């Protein structure tokens, strides 16, 4: 994927994403099933804590995605400057 993007081959990158779509969907379904099984094994008090933790993780994922899209911590320019032969 990285090589395709670096070459600017957006059509190739899209084709690769499409070819792995089913696997990603299966993984997502499995993760949801696992989460439901874990939650079912917990007491009602711990289910509330678990739900809060899941919500917090989702929030952090959303924040990290926003930083990436806005050029934050690992956005454009940051990696290139660091890897340009400097020791910073």
PDB file of N, CA and C in Angstrom:
ATOM      1  N   UNK A   1       0.823  -1.180   0.000  1.00  0.00           N
ATOM      2  CA  UNK A   1       0.000   0.000   0.000  1.00  0.00           C
ATOM      3  C   UNK A   1       0.871   1.250   0.000  1.00  0.00           C
ATOM      4  N   UNK A   2       1.846   1.287   0.897  1.00  0.00           N
ATOM      5  CA  UNK A   2       2.709   2.465   0.993  1.00  0.00           C
ATOM      6  C   UNK A   2       3.418   2.725  -0.329  1.00  0.00           C
ATOM      7  N   UNK A   3       3.945   1.670  -0.944  1.00  0.00           N
ATOM      8  CA  UNK A   3       4.670   1.839  -2.199  1.00  0.00           C
ATOM      9  C   UNK A   3       3.746   2.407  -3.280  1.00  0.00           C
ATOM     10  N   UNK A   4       2.514   1.919  -3.314  1.00  0.00           N
ATOM     11  CA  UNK A   4       1.563   2.423  -4.306  1.00  0.00           C
ATOM     12  C   UNK A   4       1.270   3.902  -4.079  1.00  0.00           C
ATOM     13  N   UNK A   5       1.066   4.273  -2.828  1.00  0.00           N
ATOM     14  CA  UNK A   5       0.781   5.673  -2.522  1.00  0.00           C
ATOM     15  C   UNK A   5       1.972   6.560  -2.834  1.00  0.00           C
ATOM     16  N   UNK A   6       3.170   6.097  -2.511  1.00  0.00           N
ATOM     17  CA  UNK A   6       4.358   6.898  -2.772  1.00  0.00           C
ATOM     18  C   UNK A   6       4.572   7.106  -4.264  1.00  0.00           C
ATOM     19  N   UNK A   7       4.190   6.119  -5.066  1.00  0.00           N
ATOM     20  CA  UNK A   7       4.297   6.266  -6.519  1.00  0.00           C
ATOM     21  C   UNK A   7       3.170   7.124  -7.073  1.00  0.00           C
ATOM     22  N   UNK A   8       2.168   7.402  -6.240  1.00  0.00           N
ATOM     23  CA  UNK A   8       1.022   8.167  -6.716  1.00  0.00           C
ATOM     24  C   UNK A   8       0.008   7.308  -7.453  1.00  0.00           C
ATOM     25  N   UNK A   9       0.091   6.007  -7.264  1.00  0.00           N
ATOM     26  CA  UNK A   9      -0.804   5.067  -7.939  1.00  0.00           C
ATOM     27  C   UNK A   9      -2.098   4.922  -7.130  1.00  0.00           C
ATOM     28  N   UNK A  10      -2.977   5.902  -7.244  1.00  0.00           N
ATOM     29  CA  UNK A  10      -4.211   5.863  -6.469  1.00  0.00           C
ATOM     30  C   UNK A  10      -5.127   4.737  -6.934  1.00  0.00           C
ATOM     31  N   UNK A  11      -5.110   4.430  -8.220  1.00  0.00           N
ATOM     32  CA  UNK A  11      -5.950   3.339  -8.715  1.00  0.00           C
ATOM     33  C   UNK A  11      -5.487   2.007  -8.125  1.00  0.00           C
ATOM     34  N   UNK A  12      -4.190   1.799  -8.059  1.00  0.00           N
ATOM     35  CA  UNK A  12      -3.653   0.578  -7.467  1.00  0.00           C
ATOM     36  C   UNK A  12      -3.968   0.484  -5.985  1.00  0.00           C
ATOM     37  N   UNK A  13      -3.862   1.621  -5.278  1.00  0.00           N
ATOM     38  CA  UNK A  13      -4.165   1.645  -3.849  1.00  0.00           C
ATOM     39  C   UNK A  13      -5.637   1.340  -3.606  1.00  0.00           C
ATOM     40  N   UNK A  14      -6.495   1.906  -4.432  1.00  0.00           N
ATOM     41  CA  UNK A  14      -7.936   1.622  -4.293  1.00  0.00           C
ATOM     42  C   UNK A  14      -8.237   0.159  -4.558  1.00  0.00           C
ATOM     43  N   UNK A  15      -7.589  -0.417  -5.567  1.00  0.00           N
ATOM     44  CA  UNK A  15      -7.809  -1.828  -5.890  1.00  0.00           C
ATOM     45  C   UNK A  15      -7.358  -2.710  -4.731  1.00  0.00           C
ATOM     46  N   UNK A  16      -6.228  -2.369  -4.127  1.00  0.00           N
ATOM     47  CA  UNK A  16      -5.744  -3.141  -2.993  1.00  0.00           C
ATOM     48  C   UNK A  16      -6.701  -3.031  -1.812  1.00  0.00           C
ATOM     49  N   UNK A  17      -7.189  -1.834  -1.536  1.00  0.00           N
ATOM     50  CA  UNK A  17      -8.157  -1.646  -0.451  1.00  0.00           C
ATOM     51  C   UNK A  17      -9.422  -2.462  -0.720  1.00  0.00           C
ATOM     52  N   UNK A  18      -9.877  -2.470  -1.947  1.00  0.00           N
ATOM     53  CA  UNK A  18     -11.079  -3.223  -2.296  1.00  0.00           C
ATOM     54  C   UNK A  18     -10.850  -4.724  -2.113  1.00  0.00           C
ATOM     55  N   UNK A  19      -9.650  -5.193  -2.467  1.00  0.00           N
ATOM     56  CA  UNK A  19      -9.375  -6.631  -2.366  1.00  0.00           C
ATOM     57  C   UNK A  19      -9.298  -7.100  -0.912  1.00  0.00           C
ATOM     58  N   UNK A  20      -8.975  -6.214   0.010  1.00  0.00           N
ATOM     59  CA  UNK A  20      -8.882  -6.602   1.418  1.00  0.00           C
ATOM     60  C   UNK A  20     -10.126  -6.215   2.209  1.00  0.00           C
ATOM     61  N   UNK A  21     -11.112  -5.688   1.545  1.00  0.00           N
ATOM     62  CA  UNK A  21     -12.325  -5.222   2.211  1.00  0.00           C
ATOM     63  C   UNK A  21     -13.032  -6.330   2.990  1.00  0.00           C
ATOM     64  N   UNK A  22     -13.188  -7.484   2.381  1.00  0.00           N
ATOM     65  CA  UNK A  22     -13.888  -8.596   3.038  1.00  0.00           C
ATOM     66  C   UNK A  22     -13.159  -9.026   4.313  1.00  0.00           C
ATOM     67  N   UNK A  23     -11.835  -9.075   4.260  1.00  0.00           N
ATOM     68  CA  UNK A  23     -11.062  -9.464   5.435  1.00  0.00           C
ATOM     69  C   UNK A  23     -11.229  -8.438   6.554  1.00  0.00           C
ATOM     70  N   UNK A  24     -11.222  -7.161   6.202  1.00  0.00           N
ATOM     71  CA  UNK A  24     -11.409  -6.122   7.217  1.00  0.00           C
ATOM     72  C   UNK A  24     -12.799  -6.205   7.833  1.00  0.00           C
ATOM     73  N   UNK A  25     -13.808  -6.490   7.014  1.00  0.00           N
ATOM     74  CA  UNK A  25     -15.174  -6.622   7.529  1.00  0.00           C
ATOM     75  C   UNK A  25     -15.282  -7.824   8.468  1.00  0.00           C
ATOM     76  N   UNK A  26     -14.645  -8.944   8.111  1.00  0.00           N
ATOM     77  CA  UNK A  26     -14.657 -10.127   8.979  1.00  0.00           C
ATOM     78  C   UNK A  26     -13.979  -9.817  10.310  1.00  0.00           C
ATOM     79  N   UNK A  27     -12.857  -9.110  10.243  1.00  0.00           N
ATOM     80  CA  UNK A  27     -12.135  -8.749  11.469  1.00  0.00           C
ATOM     81  C   UNK A  27     -12.994  -7.861  12.358  1.00  0.00           C
ATOM     82  N   UNK A  28     -13.678  -6.909  11.758  1.00  0.00           N
ATOM     83  CA  UNK A  28     -14.546  -6.023  12.520  1.00  0.00           C
ATOM     84  C   UNK A  28     -15.680  -6.778  13.186  1.00  0.00           C
ATOM     85  N   UNK A  29     -16.273  -7.716  12.464  1.00  0.00           N
ATOM     86  CA  UNK A  29     -17.352  -8.536  13.016  1.00  0.00           C
ATOM     87  C   UNK A  29     -16.840  -9.376  14.180  1.00  0.00           C
ATOM     88  N   UNK A  30     -15.668  -9.966  14.016  1.00  0.00           N
ATOM     89  CA  UNK A  30     -15.082 -10.781  15.078  1.00  0.00           C
ATOM     90  C   UNK A  30     -14.803  -9.934  16.315  1.00  0.00           C
ATOM     91  N   UNK A  31     -14.269  -8.731  16.131  1.00  0.00           N
ATOM     92  CA  UNK A  31     -13.997  -7.850  17.265  1.00  0.00           C
ATOM     93  C   UNK A  31     -15.283  -7.478  17.998  1.00  0.00           C
ATOM     94  N   UNK A  32     -16.349  -7.238  17.265  1.00  0.00           N
ATOM     95  CA  UNK A  32     -17.627  -6.900  17.893  1.00  0.00           C
ATOM     96  C   UNK A  32     -18.172  -8.090  18.683  1.00  0.00           C
ATOM     97  N   UNK A  33     -18.040  -9.301  18.132  1.00  0.00           N
ATOM     98  CA  UNK A  33     -18.494 -10.500  18.833  1.00  0.00           C
ATOM     99  C   UNK A  33     -17.699 -10.725  20.120  1.00  0.00           C
ATOM    100  N   UNK A  34     -16.381 -10.531  20.024  1.00  0.00           N
ATOM    101  CA  UNK A  34     -15.539 -10.698  21.206  1.00  0.00           C
ATOM    102  C   UNK A  34     -15.923  -9.693  22.287  1.00  0.00           C
ATOM    103  N   UNK A  35     -16.156  -8.467  21.884  1.00  0.00           N
ATOM    104  CA  UNK A  35     -16.532  -7.428  22.835  1.00  0.00           C
ATOM    105  C   UNK A  35     -17.854  -7.769  23.519  1.00  0.00           C
ATOM    106  N   UNK A  36     -18.803  -8.265  22.746  1.00  0.00           N
ATOM    107  CA  UNK A  36     -20.099  -8.642  23.315  1.00  0.00           C
ATOM    108  C   UNK A  36     -19.954  -9.795  24.306  1.00  0.00           C
ATOM    109  N   UNK A  37     -19.093 -10.763  23.981  1.00  0.00           N
ATOM    110  CA  UNK A  37     -18.876 -11.893  24.885  1.00  0.00           C
ATOM    111  C   UNK A  37     -18.197 -11.448  26.178  1.00  0.00           C
ATOM    112  N   UNK A  38     -17.226 -10.562  26.054  1.00  0.00           N
ATOM    113  CA  UNK A  38     -16.549 -10.045  27.251  1.00  0.00           C
ATOM    114  C   UNK A  38     -17.550  -9.302  28.118  1.00  0.00           C
ATOM    115  N   UNK A  39     -18.340  -8.436  27.509  1.00  0.00           N
ATOM    116  CA  UNK A  39     -19.314  -7.641  28.252  1.00  0.00           C
ATOM    117  C   UNK A  39     -20.328  -8.543  28.966  1.00  0.00           C
ATOM    118  N   UNK A  40     -20.762  -9.603  28.289  1.00  0.00           N
ATOM    119  CA  UNK A  40     -21.753 -10.517  28.869  1.00  0.00           C
ATOM    120  C   UNK A  40     -21.209 -11.234  30.106  1.00  0.00           C
ATOM    121  N   UNK A  41     -19.887 -11.416  30.167  1.00  0.00           N
ATOM    122  CA  UNK A  41     -19.282 -12.119  31.303  1.00  0.00           C
ATOM    123  C   UNK A  41     -19.095 -11.211  32.515  1.00  0.00           C
ATOM    124  N   UNK A  42     -19.300  -9.925  32.353  1.00  0.00           N
ATOM    125  CA  UNK A  42     -19.076  -8.962  33.436  1.00  0.00           C
ATOM    126  C   UNK A  42     -20.323  -8.727  34.271  1.00  0.00           C
ATOM    127  N   UNK A  43     -20.120  -8.305  35.510  1.00  0.00           N
ATOM    128  CA  UNK A  43     -21.239  -7.910  36.365  1.00  0.00           C
ATOM    129  C   UNK A  43     -21.796  -6.586  35.838  1.00  0.00           C
ATOM    130  N   UNK A  44     -23.037  -6.254  36.197  1.00  0.00           N
ATOM    131  CA  UNK A  44     -23.614  -4.987  35.724  1.00  0.00           C
ATOM    132  C   UNK A  44     -22.744  -3.763  36.054  1.00  0.00           C
ATOM    133  N   UNK A  45     -22.137  -3.735  37.228  1.00  0.00           N
ATOM    134  CA  UNK A  45     -21.277  -2.600  37.592  1.00  0.00           C
ATOM    135  C   UNK A  45     -20.052  -2.541  36.677  1.00  0.00           C
ATOM    136  N   UNK A  46     -19.477  -3.698  36.398  1.00  0.00           N
ATOM    137  CA  UNK A  46     -18.302  -3.723  35.519  1.00  0.00           C
ATOM    138  C   UNK A  46     -18.679  -3.511  34.058  1.00  0.00           C
ATOM    139  N   UNK A  47     -19.908  -3.864  33.677  1.00  0.00           N
ATOM    140  CA  UNK A  47     -20.361  -3.577  32.318  1.00  0.00           C
ATOM    141  C   UNK A  47     -20.380  -2.078  32.076  1.00  0.00           C
ATOM    142  N   UNK A  48     -20.804  -1.317  33.072  1.00  0.00           N
ATOM    143  CA  UNK A  48     -20.825   0.142  32.931  1.00  0.00           C
ATOM    144  C   UNK A  48     -19.409   0.675  32.751  1.00  0.00           C
ATOM    145  N   UNK A  49     -18.457   0.147  33.525  1.00  0.00           N
ATOM    146  CA  UNK A  49     -17.061   0.561  33.391  1.00  0.00           C
ATOM    147  C   UNK A  49     -16.512   0.176  32.013  1.00  0.00           C
ATOM    148  N   UNK A  50     -16.845  -1.037  31.586  1.00  0.00           N
ATOM    149  CA  UNK A  50     -16.382  -1.527  30.285  1.00  0.00           C
ATOM    150  C   UNK A  50     -16.918  -0.634  29.166  1.00  0.00           C
ATOM    151  N   UNK A  51     -18.207  -0.313  29.240  1.00  0.00           N
ATOM    152  CA  UNK A  51     -18.821   0.555  28.232  1.00  0.00           C
ATOM    153  C   UNK A  51     -18.145   1.917  28.197  1.00  0.00           C
ATOM    154  N   UNK A  52     -17.818   2.459  29.386  1.00  0.00           N
ATOM    155  CA  UNK A  52     -17.140   3.755  29.449  1.00  0.00           C
ATOM    156  C   UNK A  52     -15.749   3.661  28.819  1.00  0.00           C
ATOM    157  N   UNK A  53     -15.063   2.559  29.074  1.00  0.00           N
ATOM    158  CA  UNK A  53     -13.733   2.377  28.490  1.00  0.00           C
ATOM    159  C   UNK A  53     -13.794   2.253  26.969  1.00  0.00           C
ATOM    160  N   UNK A  54     -14.770   1.528  26.475  1.00  0.00           N
ATOM    161  CA  UNK A  54     -14.937   1.374  25.019  1.00  0.00           C
ATOM    162  C   UNK A  54     -15.221   2.741  24.392  1.00  0.00           C
ATOM    163  N   UNK A  55     -16.085   3.517  25.043  1.00  0.00           N
ATOM    164  CA  UNK A  55     -16.418   4.850  24.532  1.00  0.00           C
ATOM    165  C   UNK A  55     -15.180   5.751  24.533  1.00  0.00           C
ATOM    166  N   UNK A  56     -14.377   5.682  25.587  1.00  0.00           N
ATOM    167  CA  UNK A  56     -13.160   6.492  25.672  1.00  0.00           C
ATOM    168  C   UNK A  56     -12.159   6.106  24.582  1.00  0.00           C
ATOM    169  N   UNK A  57     -12.028   4.808  24.331  1.00  0.00           N
ATOM    170  CA  UNK A  57     -11.111   4.361  23.275  1.00  0.00           C
ATOM    171  C   UNK A  57     -11.568   4.869  21.910  1.00  0.00           C
ATOM    172  N   UNK A  58     -12.866   4.802  21.650  1.00  0.00           N
ATOM    173  CA  UNK A  58     -13.401   5.283  20.382  1.00  0.00           C
ATOM    174  C   UNK A  58     -13.150   6.784  20.230  1.00  0.00           C
ATOM    175  N   UNK A  59     -13.285   7.501  21.317  1.00  0.00           N
ATOM    176  CA  UNK A  59     -13.037   8.935  21.297  1.00  0.00           C
ATOM    177  C   UNK A  59     -11.572   9.230  20.975  1.00  0.00           C
ATOM    178  N   UNK A  60     -10.672   8.483  21.598  1.00  0.00           N
ATOM    179  CA  UNK A  60      -9.243   8.681  21.330  1.00  0.00           C
ATOM    180  C   UNK A  60      -8.909   8.352  19.884  1.00  0.00           C
ATOM    181  N   UNK A  61      -9.518   7.284  19.361  1.00  0.00           N
ATOM    182  CA  UNK A  61      -9.283   6.944  17.956  1.00  0.00           C
ATOM    183  C   UNK A  61      -9.741   8.077  17.056  1.00  0.00           C
ATOM    184  N   UNK A  62     -10.874   8.666  17.378  1.00  0.00           N
ATOM    185  CA  UNK A  62     -11.376   9.774  16.580  1.00  0.00           C
ATOM    186  C   UNK A  62     -10.460  10.977  16.655  1.00  0.00           C
ATOM    187  N   UNK A  63      -9.944  11.270  17.846  1.00  0.00           N
ATOM    188  CA  UNK A  63      -9.021  12.392  18.009  1.00  0.00           C
ATOM    189  C   UNK A  63      -7.730  12.146  17.247  1.00  0.00           C
ATOM    190  N   UNK A  64      -7.227  10.927  17.293  1.00  0.00           N
ATOM    191  CA  UNK A  64      -5.999  10.612  16.576  1.00  0.00           C
ATOM    192  C   UNK A  64      -6.203  10.745  15.080  1.00  0.00           C
ATOM    193  N   UNK A  65      -7.360  10.332  14.603  1.00  0.00           N
ATOM    194  CA  UNK A  65      -7.668  10.477  13.186  1.00  0.00           C
ATOM    195  C   UNK A  65      -7.736  11.934  12.777  1.00  0.00           C
ATOM    196  N   UNK A  66      -8.306  12.764  13.636  1.00  0.00           N
ATOM    197  CA  UNK A  66      -8.380  14.190  13.355  1.00  0.00           C
ATOM    198  C   UNK A  66      -6.987  14.800  13.292  1.00  0.00           C
ATOM    199  N   UNK A  67      -6.111  14.443  14.235  1.00  0.00           N
ATOM    200  CA  UNK A  67      -4.744  14.964  14.220  1.00  0.00           C
ATOM    201  C   UNK A  67      -4.052  14.584  12.922  1.00  0.00           C
ATOM    202  N   UNK A  68      -4.237  13.340  12.499  1.00  0.00           N
ATOM    203  CA  UNK A  68      -3.588  12.861  11.284  1.00  0.00           C
ATOM    204  C   UNK A  68      -4.113  13.617  10.063  1.00  0.00           C
ATOM    205  N   UNK A  69      -5.430  13.784   9.992  1.00  0.00           N
ATOM    206  CA  UNK A  69      -6.020  14.469   8.845  1.00  0.00           C
ATOM    207  C   UNK A  69      -5.641  15.948   8.803  1.00  0.00           C
ATOM    208  N   UNK A  70      -5.418  16.552   9.967  1.00  0.00           N
ATOM    209  CA  UNK A  70      -5.078  17.976  10.021  1.00  0.00           C
ATOM    210  C   UNK A  70      -3.572  18.212   9.987  1.00  0.00           C
ATOM    211  N   UNK A  71      -2.788  17.168   9.819  1.00  0.00           N
ATOM    212  CA  UNK A  71      -1.343  17.340   9.768  1.00  0.00           C
ATOM    213  C   UNK A  71      -0.720  17.470  11.128  1.00  0.00           C
ATOM    214  N   UNK A  72      -1.294  16.802  12.111  1.00  0.00           N
ATOM    215  CA  UNK A  72      -0.807  16.879  13.481  1.00  0.00           C
ATOM    216  C   UNK A  72       0.463  16.086  13.700  1.00  0.00           C
ATOM    217  N   UNK A  73       0.490  15.329  14.747  1.00  0.00           N
ATOM    218  CA  UNK A  73       1.692  14.643  15.198  1.00  0.00           C
ATOM    219  C   UNK A  73       2.429  13.922  14.072  1.00  0.00           C
ATOM    220  N   UNK A  74       1.724  13.203  13.231  1.00  0.00           N
ATOM    221  CA  UNK A  74       2.374  12.470  12.148  1.00  0.00           C
ATOM    222  C   UNK A  74       1.908  12.966  10.791  1.00  0.00           C
ATOM    223  N   UNK A  75       1.524  14.196  10.722  1.00  0.00           N
ATOM    224  CA  UNK A  75       1.022  14.748   9.473  1.00  0.00           C
ATOM    225  C   UNK A  75       2.129  15.104   8.504  1.00  0.00           C
ATOM    226  N   UNK A  76       1.767  15.767   7.447  1.00  0.00           N
ATOM    227  CA  UNK A  76       2.706  16.127   6.397  1.00  0.00           C
ATOM    228  C   UNK A  76       3.822  17.013   6.931  1.00  0.00           C
ATOM    229  N   UNK A  77       5.006  16.761   6.457  1.00  0.00           N
ATOM    230  CA  UNK A  77       6.136  17.597   6.798  1.00  0.00           C
ATOM    231  C   UNK A  77       6.874  17.156   8.039  1.00  0.00           C
ATOM    232  N   UNK A  78       6.225  16.552   8.978  1.00  0.00           N
ATOM    233  CA  UNK A  78       6.852  16.188  10.238  1.00  0.00           C
ATOM    234  C   UNK A  78       7.878  15.070  10.048  1.00  0.00           C
ATOM    235  N   UNK A  79       7.505  14.021   9.369  1.00  0.00           N
ATOM    236  CA  UNK A  79       8.422  12.892   9.195  1.00  0.00           C
ATOM    237  C   UNK A  79       9.574  13.257   8.290  1.00  0.00           C
ATOM    238  N   UNK A  80       9.266  13.945   7.200  1.00  0.00           N
ATOM    239  CA  UNK A  80      10.298  14.296   6.235  1.00  0.00           C
ATOM    240  C   UNK A  80      11.387  15.146   6.849  1.00  0.00           C
ATOM    241  N   UNK A  81      11.009  16.103   7.669  1.00  0.00           N
ATOM    242  CA  UNK A  81      11.993  16.984   8.285  1.00  0.00           C
ATOM    243  C   UNK A  81      12.891  16.199   9.240  1.00  0.00           C
ATOM    244  N   UNK A  82      12.307  15.281   9.946  1.00  0.00           N
ATOM    245  CA  UNK A  82      13.075  14.513  10.924  1.00  0.00           C
ATOM    246  C   UNK A  82      14.031  13.552  10.234  1.00  0.00           C
ATOM    247  N   UNK A  83      13.601  12.948   9.163  1.00  0.00           N
ATOM    248  CA  UNK A  83      14.422  11.953   8.484  1.00  0.00           C
ATOM    249  C   UNK A  83      15.358  12.528   7.435  1.00  0.00           C
ATOM    250  N   UNK A  84      15.526  13.853   7.404  1.00  0.00           N
ATOM    251  CA  UNK A  84      16.322  14.485   6.350  1.00  0.00           C
ATOM    252  C   UNK A  84      17.803  14.568   6.707  1.00  0.00           C
ATOM    253  N   UNK A  85      18.272  13.671   7.573  1.00  0.00           N
ATOM    254  CA  UNK A  85      19.676  13.633   7.897  1.00  0.00           C
ATOM    255  C   UNK A  85      20.057  14.437   9.118  1.00  0.00           C
ATOM    256  N   UNK A  86      19.085  14.970   9.817  1.00  0.00           N
ATOM    257  CA  UNK A  86      19.370  15.714  11.046  1.00  0.00           C
ATOM    258  C   UNK A  86      19.212  14.776  12.216  1.00  0.00           C
ATOM    259  N   UNK A  87      19.774  15.128  13.317  1.00  0.00           N
ATOM    260  CA  UNK A  87      19.656  14.316  14.530  1.00  0.00           C
ATOM    261  C   UNK A  87      18.653  14.880  15.499  1.00  0.00           C
ATOM    262  N   UNK A  88      17.695  15.624  15.052  1.00  0.00           N
ATOM    263  CA  UNK A  88      16.705  16.233  15.940  1.00  0.00           C
ATOM    264  C   UNK A  88      15.618  15.291  16.306  1.00  0.00           C
TER     265      UNK A  88
END
